[in-house]
Amino acid sequence: MSTELKNKLLVELIDDLENDRLVLPSLPEVALKVRDALDDENANSRDVAKVIASDAALSARLIAVANSPMLRGNKQIDSVDMAVTRMGNSLVRNTVNSLIVQQIFQPTTEVTDRLFHRFWEHSTEVAAISQALASFVKIKPDQAMLAGLVHDIGALPIIKYAEDMPELLENEGVLEELIAELHTTVGTALLSKWEFPQEIINVAAKHEDLQRTHDETADLVDVVSVANLQSYFGKEHPHASADWSAVPAFAKLGLDTEVSIVDMEDTGEAIREVADALRG
């Protein structure tokens, strides 16, 4: 019965997505205002900070990230103005986009609440690992962090879809299978709707392709693919048994496939602190 249900809902979900019936959430207003302020050549850092300060939760989280190992300086940051000044426009944009992901979906059932929190824990861990891995290649750490945080973003509309489907809430295993099969397709559609950069959209679309190869230098998809696999190290997940030496992305990053970056003495604690800052 579960296979029949999954196949039935798989067809329905794909049909709804292709015909614009699947609800894809909009970016919160504060994220759009920050984007507009950063794109306004007449705006200064104080103008950007004023927009961010209108959202108390976002302000607190941005300050936490500004004080995280990724950016920690000699002086403790205690205001949005100081955080924006230290971080710069690019990092502010990517960090705000990262932090508002958690605000987009508020679960209303026990099952979807559990799945959302699992999604959020995993996403923040992959974001933190991606940020650390960026140091191995010529990729901005904040861009890698954002890519890691939204790599599984397609799970959210599917989880939301389930809230109106009692048969899915009663078959959590089927729901998880639907997420596994469709999250890259839905994620690509969602990030396209949000007008994210193409390189971030590519991450949502291609991070599950462990045999992906290309002739260019390491890119964001390589970074997030490796971070995703490393996040499952030692856990119960199909990816936990992946042979890292057979994954081209590891070679692209020049990484030792016998060592997890999470367990490295000089990066493990920093990764945990960055993940905690993102979680709030």
Protein backbone atom coordinates (compact mmCIF):
# COMPACT_ATOMS: atom_id res chain seq x y z
CA MET A 1 0.00 0.00 0.00
CA SER A 2 2.82 2.41 0.86
CA THR A 3 4.37 1.94 -2.61
CA GLU A 4 1.02 2.60 -4.30
CA LEU A 5 0.48 5.68 -2.15
CA LYS A 6 3.96 6.98 -2.85
CA ASN A 7 3.63 6.52 -6.60
CA LYS A 8 0.19 8.15 -6.61
CA LEU A 9 1.39 11.17 -4.64
CA LEU A 10 4.60 11.37 -6.64
CA VAL A 11 2.59 11.81 -9.83
CA GLU A 12 0.29 14.35 -8.16
CA LEU A 13 3.16 16.39 -6.73
CA ILE A 14 5.03 16.53 -10.03
CA ASP A 15 1.82 17.50 -11.84
CA ASP A 16 1.10 20.24 -9.28
CA LEU A 17 4.64 21.55 -9.58
CA GLU A 18 4.61 21.58 -13.40
CA ASN A 19 1.25 23.36 -13.44
CA ASP A 20 2.07 25.91 -10.73
CA ARG A 21 -0.34 24.43 -8.20
CA LEU A 22 2.30 23.45 -5.65
CA VAL A 23 2.56 26.30 -3.15
CA LEU A 24 6.10 27.71 -3.21
CA PRO A 25 6.58 30.20 -0.35
CA SER A 26 7.64 33.77 -1.01
CA LEU A 27 10.70 35.32 0.58
CA PRO A 28 9.80 37.24 3.77
CA GLU A 29 9.39 40.98 3.31
CA VAL A 30 12.47 41.80 5.39
CA ALA A 31 14.67 39.73 3.07
CA LEU A 32 13.30 41.57 0.03
CA LYS A 33 13.87 44.94 1.73
CA VAL A 34 17.46 44.01 2.61
CA ARG A 35 18.02 42.91 -0.99
CA ASP A 36 16.62 46.23 -2.25
CA ALA A 37 18.74 48.24 0.20
CA LEU A 38 21.90 46.40 -0.81
CA ASP A 39 21.09 46.95 -4.49
CA ASP A 40 20.51 50.70 -3.94
CA GLU A 41 23.75 52.47 -4.82
CA ASN A 42 22.67 55.44 -2.69
CA ALA A 43 22.16 53.34 0.45
CA ASN A 44 24.88 53.06 3.08
CA SER A 45 25.53 50.46 5.77
CA ARG A 46 23.38 52.37 8.24
CA ASP A 47 20.40 52.19 5.84
CA VAL A 48 20.89 48.43 5.49
CA ALA A 49 21.19 48.04 9.27
CA LYS A 50 17.95 49.98 9.79
CA VAL A 51 16.04 47.53 7.58
CA ILE A 52 17.50 44.53 9.41
CA ALA A 53 16.82 46.10 12.82
CA SER A 54 13.08 46.08 12.02
CA ASP A 55 13.18 42.31 12.61
CA ALA A 56 14.33 41.59 16.18
CA ALA A 57 14.95 37.88 15.64
CA LEU A 58 16.94 38.47 12.46
CA SER A 59 18.97 41.21 14.16
CA ALA A 60 19.95 38.94 17.04
CA ARG A 61 20.94 36.13 14.71
CA LEU A 62 22.99 38.42 12.45
CA ILE A 63 24.93 39.68 15.47
CA ALA A 64 25.55 36.06 16.53
CA VAL A 65 26.96 35.23 13.10
CA ALA A 66 29.12 38.39 13.16
CA ASN A 67 30.63 37.10 16.42
CA SER A 68 31.05 33.53 15.13
CA PRO A 69 34.46 31.99 14.26
CA MET A 70 33.81 32.83 10.61
CA LEU A 71 34.22 36.55 11.34
CA ARG A 72 35.39 36.91 14.90
CA GLY A 73 37.57 39.99 15.35
CA ASN A 74 39.18 41.69 18.30
CA LYS A 75 36.00 43.51 19.30
CA GLN A 76 32.69 41.96 20.35
CA ILE A 77 29.83 42.99 18.06
CA ASP A 78 26.73 44.14 19.97
CA SER A 79 24.69 46.09 17.39
CA VAL A 80 23.30 45.58 13.91
CA ASP A 81 25.23 48.65 12.69
CA MET A 82 28.51 47.11 13.84
CA ALA A 83 27.57 43.72 12.38
CA VAL A 84 26.79 45.19 8.94
CA THR A 85 30.00 47.24 8.96
CA ARG A 86 32.13 44.23 9.83
CA MET A 87 30.42 41.88 7.42
CA GLY A 88 30.12 43.95 4.23
CA ASN A 89 27.32 43.83 1.65
CA SER A 90 27.98 40.40 0.13
CA LEU A 91 28.18 38.62 3.46
CA VAL A 92 25.15 40.48 4.84
CA ARG A 93 23.09 39.49 1.79
CA ASN A 94 24.04 35.82 2.00
CA THR A 95 23.67 35.66 5.78
CA VAL A 96 20.22 37.29 5.77
CA ASN A 97 19.08 34.91 3.04
CA SER A 98 20.40 32.05 5.15
CA LEU A 99 18.76 33.12 8.37
CA ILE A 100 15.28 33.78 6.96
CA VAL A 101 14.97 30.19 5.73
CA GLN A 102 13.90 29.17 9.23
CA GLN A 103 11.11 31.78 9.22
CA ILE A 104 9.50 30.52 6.03
CA PHE A 105 7.78 27.44 7.39
CA GLN A 106 6.06 27.08 10.74
CA PRO A 107 4.92 23.45 11.24
CA THR A 108 1.39 22.80 12.49
CA THR A 109 1.54 19.05 13.13
CA GLU A 110 3.75 16.77 15.19
CA VAL A 111 5.02 14.91 12.12
CA THR A 112 5.86 18.00 10.07
CA ASP A 113 7.42 19.69 13.11
CA ARG A 114 9.73 16.71 13.56
CA LEU A 115 10.65 16.66 9.85
CA PHE A 116 11.24 20.40 9.77
CA HIS A 117 13.57 20.32 12.75
CA ARG A 118 15.47 17.42 11.21
CA PHE A 119 15.74 19.46 8.00
CA TRP A 120 16.96 22.53 9.91
CA GLU A 121 19.55 20.61 11.97
CA HIS A 122 20.95 19.01 8.83
CA SER A 123 20.88 22.21 6.77
CA THR A 124 22.75 24.25 9.38
CA GLU A 125 25.35 21.51 9.78
CA VAL A 126 25.92 21.31 6.02
CA ALA A 127 26.09 25.12 5.86
CA ALA A 128 28.78 25.23 8.54
CA ILE A 129 30.81 22.43 6.93
CA SER A 130 30.47 24.10 3.53
CA GLN A 131 31.74 27.36 4.99
CA ALA A 132 34.79 25.54 6.36
CA LEU A 133 35.42 23.66 3.11
CA ALA A 134 35.41 26.92 1.13
CA SER A 135 38.88 27.62 2.53
CA PHE A 136 40.21 24.73 0.42
CA VAL A 137 39.12 26.40 -2.83
CA LYS A 138 38.55 29.88 -4.23
CA ILE A 139 34.94 30.22 -3.08
CA LYS A 140 33.60 32.86 -0.68
CA PRO A 141 32.83 31.26 2.70
CA ASP A 142 29.52 33.13 3.05
CA GLN A 143 28.40 31.97 -0.40
CA ALA A 144 29.28 28.38 0.53
CA MET A 145 27.36 28.78 3.79
CA LEU A 146 24.23 29.98 1.99
CA ALA A 147 24.50 27.19 -0.59
CA GLY A 148 24.78 24.62 2.18
CA LEU A 149 21.81 26.02 4.04
CA VAL A 150 19.47 25.93 1.04
CA HIS A 151 20.70 22.72 -0.62
CA ASP A 152 17.65 20.79 0.67
CA ILE A 153 15.21 23.74 0.58
CA GLY A 154 12.91 21.77 -1.72
CA ALA A 155 11.90 19.64 1.26
CA LEU A 156 9.92 22.53 2.77
CA PRO A 157 7.08 22.81 0.20
CA ILE A 158 6.72 19.02 0.30
CA ILE A 159 6.51 19.01 4.10
CA LYS A 160 3.96 21.83 3.89
CA TYR A 161 2.00 19.89 1.26
CA ALA A 162 1.77 16.97 3.69
CA GLU A 163 -0.04 19.07 6.30
CA ASP A 164 -3.20 18.88 4.19
CA MET A 165 -2.77 15.16 3.42
CA PRO A 166 -3.80 12.92 6.36
CA GLU A 167 -2.64 9.80 4.49
CA LEU A 168 0.87 11.27 4.30
CA LEU A 169 0.94 12.29 7.96
CA GLU A 170 0.00 8.72 8.83
CA ASN A 171 2.74 7.33 6.56
CA GLU A 172 5.84 9.27 7.55
CA GLY A 173 8.07 6.81 5.70
CA VAL A 174 6.26 7.56 2.44
CA LEU A 175 6.61 11.29 3.07
CA GLU A 176 10.35 10.88 3.62
CA GLU A 177 10.63 8.93 0.35
CA LEU A 178 8.77 11.70 -1.50
CA ILE A 179 11.14 14.29 -0.05
CA ALA A 180 14.16 12.20 -1.05
CA GLU A 181 12.91 11.81 -4.62
CA LEU A 182 11.58 15.32 -5.26
CA HIS A 183 13.50 17.80 -3.09
CA THR A 184 16.06 18.63 -5.79
CA THR A 185 13.36 19.33 -8.39
CA VAL A 186 11.22 21.41 -6.01
CA GLY A 187 14.29 23.17 -4.61
CA THR A 188 15.36 24.23 -8.09
CA ALA A 189 11.90 25.69 -8.74
CA LEU A 190 11.78 27.48 -5.38
CA LEU A 191 15.21 29.11 -5.63
CA SER A 192 14.43 30.14 -9.21
CA LYS A 193 11.25 31.82 -7.97
CA TRP A 194 13.31 33.63 -5.32
CA GLU A 195 15.73 34.79 -8.04
CA PHE A 196 18.76 33.31 -6.33
CA PRO A 197 22.07 33.22 -8.28
CA GLN A 198 22.31 30.36 -10.76
CA GLU A 199 25.28 28.81 -8.93
CA ILE A 200 23.12 28.47 -5.79
CA ILE A 201 20.23 27.02 -7.82
CA ASN A 202 22.68 24.49 -9.29
CA VAL A 203 23.49 23.28 -5.78
CA ALA A 204 19.83 22.50 -5.04
CA ALA A 205 19.56 20.74 -8.40
CA LYS A 206 22.77 18.70 -8.46
CA HIS A 207 24.13 18.06 -4.95
CA GLU A 208 22.72 14.52 -4.84
CA ASP A 209 24.58 13.48 -8.01
CA LEU A 210 27.60 11.88 -6.35
CA GLN A 211 29.15 10.90 -9.69
CA ARG A 212 28.97 14.43 -11.12
CA THR A 213 32.09 15.42 -13.05
CA HIS A 214 33.13 18.58 -14.88
CA ASP A 215 36.29 20.11 -16.34
CA GLU A 216 36.30 23.33 -14.33
CA THR A 217 37.85 24.01 -10.93
CA ALA A 218 35.87 23.04 -7.81
CA ASP A 219 32.52 24.82 -7.59
CA LEU A 220 29.73 25.26 -5.05
CA VAL A 221 28.09 21.98 -6.01
CA ASP A 222 31.33 20.14 -5.23
CA VAL A 223 31.66 21.89 -1.88
CA VAL A 224 28.09 21.19 -0.78
CA SER A 225 28.10 17.61 -2.08
CA VAL A 226 31.17 16.89 0.05
CA ALA A 227 29.73 18.76 3.05
CA ASN A 228 26.47 16.83 2.71
CA LEU A 229 28.30 13.48 2.74
CA GLN A 230 30.52 14.50 5.66
CA SER A 231 27.48 15.58 7.68
CA TYR A 232 26.20 11.99 7.56
CA PHE A 233 29.49 10.45 8.72
CA GLY A 234 28.77 7.91 11.45
CA LYS A 235 24.98 8.35 11.20
CA GLU A 236 22.14 6.13 10.01
CA HIS A 237 21.58 7.35 6.46
CA PRO A 238 22.17 5.82 3.01
CA HIS A 239 24.87 8.44 2.33
CA ALA A 240 26.77 7.31 5.43
CA SER A 241 27.97 4.24 3.54
CA ALA A 242 29.15 6.17 0.46
CA ASP A 243 32.71 5.48 -0.67
CA TRP A 244 34.23 8.96 -0.56
CA SER A 245 37.17 7.90 -2.71
CA ALA A 246 34.72 7.19 -5.55
CA VAL A 247 33.12 10.66 -5.37
CA PRO A 248 34.78 13.07 -7.85
CA ALA A 249 33.94 16.13 -5.72
CA PHE A 250 36.44 15.05 -3.03
CA ALA A 251 39.24 15.00 -5.61
CA LYS A 252 38.13 18.41 -6.91
CA LEU A 253 38.57 19.83 -3.41
CA GLY A 254 41.86 17.97 -2.90
CA LEU A 255 40.56 16.37 0.30
CA ASP A 256 41.84 13.30 2.11
CA THR A 257 38.92 10.88 1.90
CA GLU A 258 40.07 9.12 5.07
CA VAL A 259 39.45 12.17 7.28
CA SER A 260 36.23 14.00 8.15
CA ILE A 261 36.66 17.77 8.40
CA VAL A 262 34.22 17.74 11.33
CA ASP A 263 36.72 15.69 13.33
CA MET A 264 39.76 17.80 12.47
CA GLU A 265 41.07 19.60 15.54
CA ASP A 266 41.37 23.04 13.95
CA THR A 267 37.97 23.03 12.21
CA GLY A 268 35.57 20.83 14.16
CA GLU A 269 34.83 23.29 16.97
CA ALA A 270 34.53 26.21 14.53
CA ILE A 271 32.01 24.24 12.46
CA ARG A 272 29.92 23.54 15.55
CA GLU A 273 29.97 27.21 16.57
CA VAL A 274 28.93 28.42 13.12
CA ALA A 275 26.08 25.87 13.05
CA ASP A 276 24.94 27.05 16.49
CA ALA A 277 25.00 30.69 15.34
CA LEU A 278 22.78 29.82 12.37
CA ARG A 279 20.35 27.89 14.55
CA GLY A 280 19.94 30.80 16.94
